[in-house]
Amino acid sequence: MDEPVASHQLTPKPRVGDHYLLLDHACGRCPSCEEGWTVWCEQPTAGQPLCWVPAEHSSSEVSSLLKAVSAFLSARVESKAVVLAIAPEGGVTILDGLTLVHSGPVLLASDPRDPSVKSRLAGLNEAGRADAVVSLLSGRDAVRAVKRGGTVCLPDTAVEMPTVTELAQREVRLVGPRDLAELVKKVGRQSVEQLFERKGASSLPLR
């Protein structure tokens, strides 16, 4: 079980106009980084540029979304898997982030218990539940929403964590984020930045 623990935080560099630069503090040399788990870096550095973000979005909001998508990427679920994203209404949607790394169906809900959500899941999966759930809210709700033997992806321990008993009873695999720089490299910096931009905006150079 690749359970989330306490990760180092991404931090914002001072604003340039209406944007700020998000810095990734992974050192690349500690045991965690050498094993590919740079989100859990043990010796954070001054930081390297990761991407530009509009100032209207807080660094904690952006960090949570990127870590959740990274967790999903590290879970390596099947390409046709039915995925449910649990996130607050409004704000930056995780839906677009997940569709960058998953070609199968992705549903978005603020409450996985909503009858309309259950109905859509029933139409997509014989189990009537998602194969994988990515949650920015509650890990416990995610465990209840995923099929037995499924996968739950969480950004970090800031999300309400499920108990060991809840995981064992439903045979759920819990996965946390791995490498944010790898995520940005895989989908492209501009694609990541467009998750947070209003349409028509262009990327700024990293520096």
Protein backbone atom coordinates (compact mmCIF):
# COMPACT_ATOMS: atom_id res chain seq x y z
CA MET A 1 0.00 0.00 0.00
CA ASP A 2 1.64 3.24 -1.16
CA GLU A 3 0.04 5.31 1.57
CA PRO A 4 0.49 9.12 1.59
CA VAL A 5 2.52 10.47 4.47
CA ALA A 6 3.85 14.02 4.97
CA SER A 7 5.20 15.56 1.76
CA HIS A 8 7.26 18.67 1.31
CA GLN A 9 5.23 21.60 0.05
CA LEU A 10 5.40 23.35 -3.28
CA THR A 11 5.85 27.06 -2.70
CA PRO A 12 5.09 30.17 -4.77
CA LYS A 13 7.79 32.57 -5.94
CA PRO A 14 6.89 36.30 -5.81
CA ARG A 15 4.32 37.34 -8.39
CA VAL A 16 5.14 38.54 -11.89
CA GLY A 17 2.11 40.57 -12.93
CA ASP A 18 -0.94 38.38 -12.29
CA HIS A 19 1.01 35.08 -12.06
CA TYR A 20 3.38 33.39 -9.66
CA LEU A 21 5.96 30.68 -10.30
CA LEU A 22 5.45 27.40 -8.45
CA LEU A 23 8.68 25.93 -7.10
CA ASP A 24 9.36 22.23 -6.56
CA HIS A 25 11.77 21.65 -3.66
CA ALA A 26 12.83 18.06 -4.36
CA CYS A 27 16.60 17.66 -4.01
CA GLY A 28 16.95 14.66 -6.35
CA ARG A 29 19.66 13.13 -4.16
CA CYS A 30 18.10 11.85 -0.91
CA PRO A 31 16.94 8.20 -0.60
CA SER A 32 13.30 9.11 -1.35
CA CYS A 33 14.25 11.06 -4.49
CA GLU A 34 16.63 8.36 -5.70
CA GLU A 35 13.83 5.82 -5.41
CA GLY A 36 11.56 8.06 -7.53
CA TRP A 37 9.41 9.43 -4.69
CA THR A 38 10.48 13.07 -4.99
CA VAL A 39 7.25 14.38 -3.43
CA TRP A 40 8.50 12.88 -0.16
CA CYS A 41 11.95 14.50 -0.44
CA GLU A 42 13.85 14.37 2.86
CA GLN A 43 16.20 17.29 2.13
CA PRO A 44 14.17 20.02 0.35
CA THR A 45 16.20 22.58 -1.60
CA ALA A 46 15.60 26.24 -2.41
CA GLY A 47 13.37 25.06 -5.24
CA GLN A 48 13.29 24.65 -9.02
CA PRO A 49 10.65 26.22 -11.32
CA LEU A 50 7.76 23.86 -12.04
CA CYS A 51 5.07 25.97 -13.72
CA TRP A 52 3.33 29.35 -13.78
CA VAL A 53 0.00 29.75 -12.00
CA PRO A 54 -2.52 32.63 -12.06
CA ALA A 55 -2.47 34.49 -8.74
CA GLU A 56 -6.21 33.86 -8.29
CA HIS A 57 -5.38 30.24 -7.40
CA SER A 58 -3.65 29.55 -4.08
CA SER A 59 -0.50 27.44 -4.08
CA SER A 60 -2.16 24.97 -1.69
CA GLU A 61 -5.09 24.52 -4.10
CA VAL A 62 -2.75 23.97 -7.04
CA SER A 63 -0.46 21.70 -5.03
CA SER A 64 -3.37 19.50 -3.97
CA LEU A 65 -4.61 19.09 -7.53
CA LEU A 66 -1.17 18.28 -8.96
CA LYS A 67 -0.46 15.79 -6.17
CA ALA A 68 -3.80 14.08 -6.73
CA VAL A 69 -3.11 13.68 -10.46
CA SER A 70 0.43 12.49 -9.65
CA ALA A 71 -1.04 9.90 -7.28
CA PHE A 72 -3.33 8.67 -10.04
CA LEU A 73 -0.44 8.53 -12.50
CA SER A 74 1.66 6.49 -10.07
CA ALA A 75 -1.25 4.07 -9.50
CA ARG A 76 -0.98 2.88 -13.12
CA VAL A 77 -4.63 1.92 -13.47
CA GLU A 78 -5.85 0.30 -16.69
CA SER A 79 -6.50 2.68 -19.58
CA LYS A 80 -10.20 1.74 -19.77
CA ALA A 81 -10.83 1.98 -16.02
CA VAL A 82 -13.81 4.02 -14.82
CA VAL A 83 -12.51 6.84 -12.64
CA LEU A 84 -14.44 9.01 -10.20
CA ALA A 85 -12.97 12.33 -9.02
CA ILE A 86 -14.33 13.77 -5.77
CA ALA A 87 -13.71 17.50 -5.47
CA PRO A 88 -15.37 20.67 -4.12
CA GLU A 89 -17.87 22.49 -6.30
CA GLY A 90 -16.33 25.48 -8.04
CA GLY A 91 -12.64 26.33 -8.10
CA VAL A 92 -10.15 24.47 -10.25
CA THR A 93 -11.55 21.22 -11.58
CA ILE A 94 -9.50 18.05 -11.31
CA LEU A 95 -11.44 16.57 -14.21
CA ASP A 96 -9.25 18.20 -16.87
CA GLY A 97 -6.12 17.14 -15.01
CA LEU A 98 -7.13 13.49 -14.94
CA THR A 99 -8.11 13.45 -18.60
CA LEU A 100 -4.53 14.50 -19.41
CA VAL A 101 -3.27 11.17 -18.06
CA HIS A 102 -6.25 8.82 -18.52
CA SER A 103 -8.05 7.86 -21.72
CA GLY A 104 -10.98 6.08 -20.05
CA PRO A 105 -14.16 7.62 -18.60
CA VAL A 106 -13.71 10.14 -15.77
CA LEU A 107 -16.65 11.41 -13.71
CA LEU A 108 -16.61 14.39 -11.36
CA ALA A 109 -18.72 14.71 -8.21
CA SER A 110 -18.68 16.68 -4.97
CA ASP A 111 -20.75 13.95 -3.29
CA PRO A 112 -20.26 10.36 -4.50
CA ARG A 113 -23.50 9.36 -2.75
CA ASP A 114 -25.56 11.48 -5.16
CA PRO A 115 -28.11 9.24 -6.95
CA SER A 116 -27.18 10.70 -10.35
CA VAL A 117 -23.53 9.80 -9.78
CA LYS A 118 -24.44 6.25 -8.77
CA SER A 119 -26.66 5.94 -11.83
CA ARG A 120 -23.88 7.01 -14.19
CA LEU A 121 -21.42 4.63 -12.55
CA ALA A 122 -23.91 1.77 -12.88
CA GLY A 123 -24.12 2.47 -16.60
CA LEU A 124 -20.35 2.36 -17.00
CA ASN A 125 -19.30 -0.47 -14.73
CA GLU A 126 -20.97 -3.80 -13.85
CA ALA A 127 -19.89 -3.33 -10.24
CA GLY A 128 -21.85 -0.07 -10.08
CA ARG A 129 -18.80 1.63 -8.58
CA ALA A 130 -15.67 3.27 -9.93
CA ASP A 131 -12.54 1.20 -10.60
CA ALA A 132 -10.48 4.05 -9.15
CA VAL A 133 -11.39 7.11 -7.10
CA VAL A 134 -9.32 10.29 -6.80
CA SER A 135 -10.39 12.52 -3.93
CA LEU A 136 -9.52 16.06 -2.89
CA LEU A 137 -12.00 15.84 -0.02
CA SER A 138 -12.44 12.59 1.88
CA GLY A 139 -10.44 9.42 1.59
CA ARG A 140 -13.11 7.61 3.59
CA ASP A 141 -15.82 8.58 1.08
CA ALA A 142 -13.47 7.49 -1.70
CA VAL A 143 -13.11 4.03 -0.18
CA ARG A 144 -16.89 3.70 0.00
CA ALA A 145 -17.28 4.80 -3.63
CA VAL A 146 -14.67 2.50 -5.18
CA LYS A 147 -15.29 -1.12 -6.11
CA ARG A 148 -13.92 -3.90 -3.91
CA GLY A 149 -10.26 -4.37 -4.82
CA GLY A 150 -10.15 -0.94 -6.45
CA THR A 151 -7.72 1.95 -6.10
CA VAL A 152 -8.03 5.20 -4.13
CA CYS A 153 -5.67 8.07 -4.92
CA LEU A 154 -5.14 10.93 -2.47
CA PRO A 155 -2.91 14.02 -2.66
CA ASP A 156 -1.61 13.80 0.93
CA THR A 157 -2.71 13.56 4.54
CA ALA A 158 -4.54 16.92 4.39
CA VAL A 159 -7.44 14.85 3.00
CA GLU A 160 -9.51 12.88 5.51
CA MET A 161 -7.75 9.51 5.62
CA PRO A 162 -9.52 6.14 5.64
CA THR A 163 -8.76 3.72 8.47
CA VAL A 164 -6.72 0.57 7.98
CA THR A 165 -9.86 -1.43 8.75
CA GLU A 166 -11.85 0.35 6.03
CA LEU A 167 -9.10 -0.35 3.50
CA ALA A 168 -8.79 -4.00 4.50
CA GLN A 169 -12.53 -4.67 4.50
CA ARG A 170 -12.88 -3.50 0.90
CA GLU A 171 -9.42 -4.70 -0.19
CA VAL A 172 -8.63 -1.19 -1.44
CA ARG A 173 -5.20 -0.05 -2.57
CA LEU A 174 -4.32 3.44 -1.34
CA VAL A 175 -1.88 5.45 -3.47
CA GLY A 176 -0.21 8.81 -2.87
CA PRO A 177 1.70 11.18 -5.20
CA ARG A 178 5.16 10.28 -6.45
CA ASP A 179 6.92 12.81 -8.69
CA LEU A 180 5.40 16.15 -9.71
CA ALA A 181 8.21 17.00 -12.14
CA GLU A 182 7.58 13.67 -13.88
CA LEU A 183 3.90 14.59 -14.21
CA VAL A 184 4.72 17.96 -15.76
CA LYS A 185 7.25 16.37 -18.10
CA LYS A 186 4.78 13.66 -19.20
CA VAL A 187 1.89 15.94 -20.12
CA GLY A 188 3.87 19.10 -20.90
CA ARG A 189 4.25 22.29 -18.87
CA GLN A 190 1.86 24.25 -21.07
CA SER A 191 -0.83 21.60 -20.66
CA VAL A 192 -0.44 21.79 -16.89
CA GLU A 193 -0.58 25.59 -16.91
CA GLN A 194 -3.70 25.58 -19.06
CA LEU A 195 -5.51 23.70 -16.28
CA PHE A 196 -5.44 26.91 -14.27
CA GLU A 197 -5.60 29.51 -17.02
CA ARG A 198 -8.59 31.21 -18.51
CA LYS A 199 -8.99 30.23 -22.17
CA GLY A 200 -6.79 32.13 -24.56
CA ALA A 201 -3.99 32.79 -22.08
CA SER A 202 -0.43 31.99 -23.11
CA SER A 203 2.41 30.47 -21.09
CA LEU A 204 5.20 32.54 -19.55
CA PRO A 205 8.88 31.52 -19.78
CA LEU A 206 10.32 29.75 -16.74
CA ARG A 207 13.12 31.58 -14.93
